[in-house]
Amino acid sequence: MASFNSDLIAAQTGVSYADKMIAGDRLGGLPLLATAIITLSASTAANDVFQLFDLPAQAVIVPQLSSITCADPGTTLTLDVGDAGDPNRYADTINVAAGGTFGFASGTMPAAVATPYQPAAVTRIYATATAAGTVTAAVKVVVVIAYRIKG
């Protein structure tokens, strides 16, 4: 029987307990949630950008625990969530046109799932409409973003 090590075990092997904290606090960070609410307009169109919140420096977003929830927003609405460096770092091509709750990793797997990103400075997080058509005015889109900071 073979035995395989995760990246956390590999990083911790041969170091003292005090040194076992991993960059991005992947082993012991304090989880927090940011809840941003977007109100759509009938003129919402592809390439519209919605500013969500400012992620604290050194915080790491956990896409696997983040989601978008909305009522039926219209015929077509697809969203990405990211930052200035990568507009779909956290959510890539999330089709919310039917309404409901959609995990950030339910579309194309975003880069930050396999490669957690830890910005050195405060970073603005955005949602971008990559496709939009016949959007219903006043529909609320609730974006819940899980992130961790050093505990």
C-alpha atoms as a PDB file:
ATOM      1  CA  MET A   1       0.000   0.000   0.000  1.00  0.00           C
ATOM      2  CA  ALA A   2       1.386   3.404  -0.990  1.00  0.00           C
ATOM      3  CA  SER A   3       1.283   6.493   1.237  1.00  0.00           C
ATOM      4  CA  PHE A   4       1.183  10.019  -0.165  1.00  0.00           C
ATOM      5  CA  ASN A   5       1.759  13.383   1.515  1.00  0.00           C
ATOM      6  CA  SER A   6      -0.276  16.558   1.027  1.00  0.00           C
ATOM      7  CA  ASP A   7       1.544  19.834   0.506  1.00  0.00           C
ATOM      8  CA  LEU A   8       0.833  20.734   4.156  1.00  0.00           C
ATOM      9  CA  ILE A   9       2.557  17.597   5.495  1.00  0.00           C
ATOM     10  CA  ALA A  10       5.476  18.184   3.153  1.00  0.00           C
ATOM     11  CA  ALA A  11       5.854  21.769   4.394  1.00  0.00           C
ATOM     12  CA  GLN A  12       5.640  20.726   8.056  1.00  0.00           C
ATOM     13  CA  THR A  13       8.042  17.794   7.926  1.00  0.00           C
ATOM     14  CA  GLY A  14      11.158  18.411   9.995  1.00  0.00           C
ATOM     15  CA  VAL A  15      10.132  21.794  11.468  1.00  0.00           C
ATOM     16  CA  SER A  16       9.294  22.749  15.060  1.00  0.00           C
ATOM     17  CA  TYR A  17       5.699  23.279  16.176  1.00  0.00           C
ATOM     18  CA  ALA A  18       6.192  27.077  16.289  1.00  0.00           C
ATOM     19  CA  ASP A  19       7.286  27.045  12.651  1.00  0.00           C
ATOM     20  CA  LYS A  20       4.409  24.901  11.359  1.00  0.00           C
ATOM     21  CA  MET A  21       2.164  27.810  10.332  1.00  0.00           C
ATOM     22  CA  ILE A  22       1.921  27.772   6.565  1.00  0.00           C
ATOM     23  CA  ALA A  23       1.866  30.855   4.313  1.00  0.00           C
ATOM     24  CA  GLY A  24      -1.712  32.061   3.989  1.00  0.00           C
ATOM     25  CA  ASP A  25      -2.544  30.394   7.306  1.00  0.00           C
ATOM     26  CA  ARG A  26      -3.830  27.310   5.488  1.00  0.00           C
ATOM     27  CA  LEU A  27      -3.432  25.317   8.690  1.00  0.00           C
ATOM     28  CA  GLY A  28      -4.905  27.697  11.248  1.00  0.00           C
ATOM     29  CA  GLY A  29      -6.371  30.860   9.799  1.00  0.00           C
ATOM     30  CA  LEU A  30      -9.450  32.556  11.194  1.00  0.00           C
ATOM     31  CA  PRO A  31     -12.359  32.168   8.725  1.00  0.00           C
ATOM     32  CA  LEU A  32     -14.451  35.255   7.977  1.00  0.00           C
ATOM     33  CA  LEU A  33     -17.321  35.997   5.594  1.00  0.00           C
ATOM     34  CA  ALA A  34     -17.948  39.113   3.532  1.00  0.00           C
ATOM     35  CA  THR A  35     -21.508  39.541   2.221  1.00  0.00           C
ATOM     36  CA  ALA A  36     -21.897  41.974  -0.674  1.00  0.00           C
ATOM     37  CA  ILE A  37     -25.306  42.688  -2.215  1.00  0.00           C
ATOM     38  CA  ILE A  38     -25.591  43.883  -5.815  1.00  0.00           C
ATOM     39  CA  THR A  39     -28.846  45.378  -7.124  1.00  0.00           C
ATOM     40  CA  LEU A  40     -29.196  44.743 -10.848  1.00  0.00           C
ATOM     41  CA  SER A  41     -30.640  47.222 -13.313  1.00  0.00           C
ATOM     42  CA  ALA A  42     -32.406  46.543 -16.593  1.00  0.00           C
ATOM     43  CA  SER A  43     -29.357  48.033 -18.329  1.00  0.00           C
ATOM     44  CA  THR A  44     -26.910  45.502 -16.812  1.00  0.00           C
ATOM     45  CA  ALA A  45     -24.724  44.362 -19.700  1.00  0.00           C
ATOM     46  CA  ALA A  46     -21.712  42.181 -20.479  1.00  0.00           C
ATOM     47  CA  ASN A  47     -18.467  43.639 -19.111  1.00  0.00           C
ATOM     48  CA  ASP A  48     -20.234  45.596 -16.347  1.00  0.00           C
ATOM     49  CA  VAL A  49     -18.119  45.515 -13.186  1.00  0.00           C
ATOM     50  CA  PHE A  50     -19.546  45.401  -9.651  1.00  0.00           C
ATOM     51  CA  GLN A  51     -17.178  46.424  -6.854  1.00  0.00           C
ATOM     52  CA  LEU A  52     -17.775  44.019  -3.949  1.00  0.00           C
ATOM     53  CA  PHE A  53     -15.369  44.734  -1.060  1.00  0.00           C
ATOM     54  CA  ASP A  54     -11.761  45.364  -0.093  1.00  0.00           C
ATOM     55  CA  LEU A  55      -9.960  42.174   0.957  1.00  0.00           C
ATOM     56  CA  PRO A  56      -7.530  42.819   3.828  1.00  0.00           C
ATOM     57  CA  ALA A  57      -3.807  42.459   3.099  1.00  0.00           C
ATOM     58  CA  GLN A  58      -2.513  38.888   3.582  1.00  0.00           C
ATOM     59  CA  ALA A  59      -6.062  37.456   3.602  1.00  0.00           C
ATOM     60  CA  VAL A  60      -6.780  34.411   1.453  1.00  0.00           C
ATOM     61  CA  ILE A  61     -10.162  33.896  -0.250  1.00  0.00           C
ATOM     62  CA  VAL A  62     -11.512  30.327  -0.089  1.00  0.00           C
ATOM     63  CA  PRO A  63     -13.543  29.894  -3.300  1.00  0.00           C
ATOM     64  CA  GLN A  64     -14.770  26.442  -2.220  1.00  0.00           C
ATOM     65  CA  LEU A  65     -16.730  28.091   0.639  1.00  0.00           C
ATOM     66  CA  SER A  66     -17.976  31.122  -1.323  1.00  0.00           C
ATOM     67  CA  SER A  67     -21.246  31.509  -3.229  1.00  0.00           C
ATOM     68  CA  ILE A  68     -23.623  33.677  -5.264  1.00  0.00           C
ATOM     69  CA  THR A  69     -27.377  33.616  -4.508  1.00  0.00           C
ATOM     70  CA  CYS A  70     -30.134  35.378  -6.417  1.00  0.00           C
ATOM     71  CA  ALA A  71     -33.673  35.120  -7.684  1.00  0.00           C
ATOM     72  CA  ASP A  72     -34.087  34.647 -11.441  1.00  0.00           C
ATOM     73  CA  PRO A  73     -32.164  37.681 -12.796  1.00  0.00           C
ATOM     74  CA  GLY A  74     -33.407  37.481 -16.390  1.00  0.00           C
ATOM     75  CA  THR A  75     -32.635  35.615 -19.577  1.00  0.00           C
ATOM     76  CA  THR A  76     -28.837  35.579 -19.306  1.00  0.00           C
ATOM     77  CA  LEU A  77     -26.406  36.449 -16.526  1.00  0.00           C
ATOM     78  CA  THR A  78     -22.951  34.944 -16.111  1.00  0.00           C
ATOM     79  CA  LEU A  79     -20.488  36.250 -13.522  1.00  0.00           C
ATOM     80  CA  ASP A  80     -16.778  36.071 -12.747  1.00  0.00           C
ATOM     81  CA  VAL A  81     -15.292  37.123  -9.401  1.00  0.00           C
ATOM     82  CA  GLY A  82     -11.723  38.303  -9.125  1.00  0.00           C
ATOM     83  CA  ASP A  83      -9.418  41.259  -8.642  1.00  0.00           C
ATOM     84  CA  ALA A  84      -7.445  43.676 -10.825  1.00  0.00           C
ATOM     85  CA  GLY A  85      -4.732  41.068 -11.374  1.00  0.00           C
ATOM     86  CA  ASP A  86      -7.117  38.297 -12.491  1.00  0.00           C
ATOM     87  CA  PRO A  87     -10.819  39.040 -13.085  1.00  0.00           C
ATOM     88  CA  ASN A  88     -11.837  35.386 -12.607  1.00  0.00           C
ATOM     89  CA  ARG A  89      -9.350  34.325  -9.919  1.00  0.00           C
ATOM     90  CA  TYR A  90     -12.107  33.263  -7.460  1.00  0.00           C
ATOM     91  CA  ALA A  91     -15.120  32.413  -9.661  1.00  0.00           C
ATOM     92  CA  ASP A  92     -15.032  31.688 -13.372  1.00  0.00           C
ATOM     93  CA  THR A  93     -18.139  31.643 -15.587  1.00  0.00           C
ATOM     94  CA  ILE A  94     -20.892  31.189 -12.984  1.00  0.00           C
ATOM     95  CA  ASN A  95     -24.219  31.019 -14.833  1.00  0.00           C
ATOM     96  CA  VAL A  96     -26.850  32.438 -12.439  1.00  0.00           C
ATOM     97  CA  ALA A  97     -29.592  32.913 -15.074  1.00  0.00           C
ATOM     98  CA  ALA A  98     -31.991  30.434 -13.451  1.00  0.00           C
ATOM     99  CA  GLY A  99     -31.609  31.918  -9.966  1.00  0.00           C
ATOM    100  CA  GLY A 100     -30.586  29.911  -6.896  1.00  0.00           C
ATOM    101  CA  THR A 101     -27.317  29.430  -5.034  1.00  0.00           C
ATOM    102  CA  PHE A 102     -24.100  28.779  -6.945  1.00  0.00           C
ATOM    103  CA  GLY A 103     -20.695  27.917  -5.484  1.00  0.00           C
ATOM    104  CA  PHE A 104     -17.691  29.795  -6.833  1.00  0.00           C
ATOM    105  CA  ALA A 105     -16.239  26.456  -8.004  1.00  0.00           C
ATOM    106  CA  SER A 106     -19.460  25.335  -9.737  1.00  0.00           C
ATOM    107  CA  GLY A 107     -18.436  26.712 -13.138  1.00  0.00           C
ATOM    108  CA  THR A 108     -14.933  26.446 -14.525  1.00  0.00           C
ATOM    109  CA  MET A 109     -12.584  25.782 -11.590  1.00  0.00           C
ATOM    110  CA  PRO A 110     -11.078  29.140 -10.599  1.00  0.00           C
ATOM    111  CA  ALA A 111      -7.302  29.478 -10.249  1.00  0.00           C
ATOM    112  CA  ALA A 112      -7.464  30.268  -6.509  1.00  0.00           C
ATOM    113  CA  VAL A 113      -8.828  26.799  -5.675  1.00  0.00           C
ATOM    114  CA  ALA A 114      -5.595  24.954  -6.505  1.00  0.00           C
ATOM    115  CA  THR A 115      -3.305  27.963  -6.005  1.00  0.00           C
ATOM    116  CA  PRO A 116      -4.504  30.070  -3.040  1.00  0.00           C
ATOM    117  CA  TYR A 117      -3.653  33.735  -3.581  1.00  0.00           C
ATOM    118  CA  GLN A 118      -2.435  35.964  -0.740  1.00  0.00           C
ATOM    119  CA  PRO A 119      -2.195  39.646  -1.723  1.00  0.00           C
ATOM    120  CA  ALA A 120       0.443  41.735   0.026  1.00  0.00           C
ATOM    121  CA  ALA A 121      -1.814  44.822   0.140  1.00  0.00           C
ATOM    122  CA  VAL A 122      -5.522  45.550   0.504  1.00  0.00           C
ATOM    123  CA  THR A 123      -7.147  44.317  -2.710  1.00  0.00           C
ATOM    124  CA  ARG A 124     -10.508  45.306  -4.238  1.00  0.00           C
ATOM    125  CA  ILE A 125     -12.656  42.309  -5.171  1.00  0.00           C
ATOM    126  CA  TYR A 126     -14.994  42.615  -8.174  1.00  0.00           C
ATOM    127  CA  ALA A 127     -17.734  40.664  -9.927  1.00  0.00           C
ATOM    128  CA  THR A 128     -17.857  41.048 -13.685  1.00  0.00           C
ATOM    129  CA  ALA A 129     -20.842  40.238 -15.887  1.00  0.00           C
ATOM    130  CA  THR A 130     -19.309  38.166 -18.666  1.00  0.00           C
ATOM    131  CA  ALA A 131     -22.702  37.752 -20.343  1.00  0.00           C
ATOM    132  CA  ALA A 132     -25.992  39.548 -19.672  1.00  0.00           C
ATOM    133  CA  GLY A 133     -29.267  39.715 -21.537  1.00  0.00           C
ATOM    134  CA  THR A 134     -32.774  40.905 -20.656  1.00  0.00           C
ATOM    135  CA  VAL A 135     -31.794  41.476 -17.033  1.00  0.00           C
ATOM    136  CA  THR A 136     -34.630  42.142 -14.587  1.00  0.00           C
ATOM    137  CA  ALA A 137     -34.291  45.447 -12.711  1.00  0.00           C
ATOM    138  CA  ALA A 138     -34.048  45.434  -8.902  1.00  0.00           C
ATOM    139  CA  VAL A 139     -33.044  41.771  -8.549  1.00  0.00           C
ATOM    140  CA  LYS A 140     -30.613  41.422  -5.642  1.00  0.00           C
ATOM    141  CA  VAL A 141     -27.515  39.280  -6.114  1.00  0.00           C
ATOM    142  CA  VAL A 142     -25.926  38.237  -2.811  1.00  0.00           C
ATOM    143  CA  VAL A 143     -22.234  37.377  -3.004  1.00  0.00           C
ATOM    144  CA  VAL A 144     -20.815  35.642   0.084  1.00  0.00           C
ATOM    145  CA  ILE A 145     -17.036  35.427   0.089  1.00  0.00           C
ATOM    146  CA  ALA A 146     -15.228  33.266   2.636  1.00  0.00           C
ATOM    147  CA  TYR A 147     -11.681  34.303   3.455  1.00  0.00           C
ATOM    148  CA  ARG A 148      -9.146  33.540   6.149  1.00  0.00           C
ATOM    149  CA  ILE A 149      -6.723  35.717   8.022  1.00  0.00           C
ATOM    150  CA  LYS A 150      -3.975  34.889  10.479  1.00  0.00           C
ATOM    151  CA  GLY A 151      -5.712  33.748  13.663  1.00  0.00           C
END
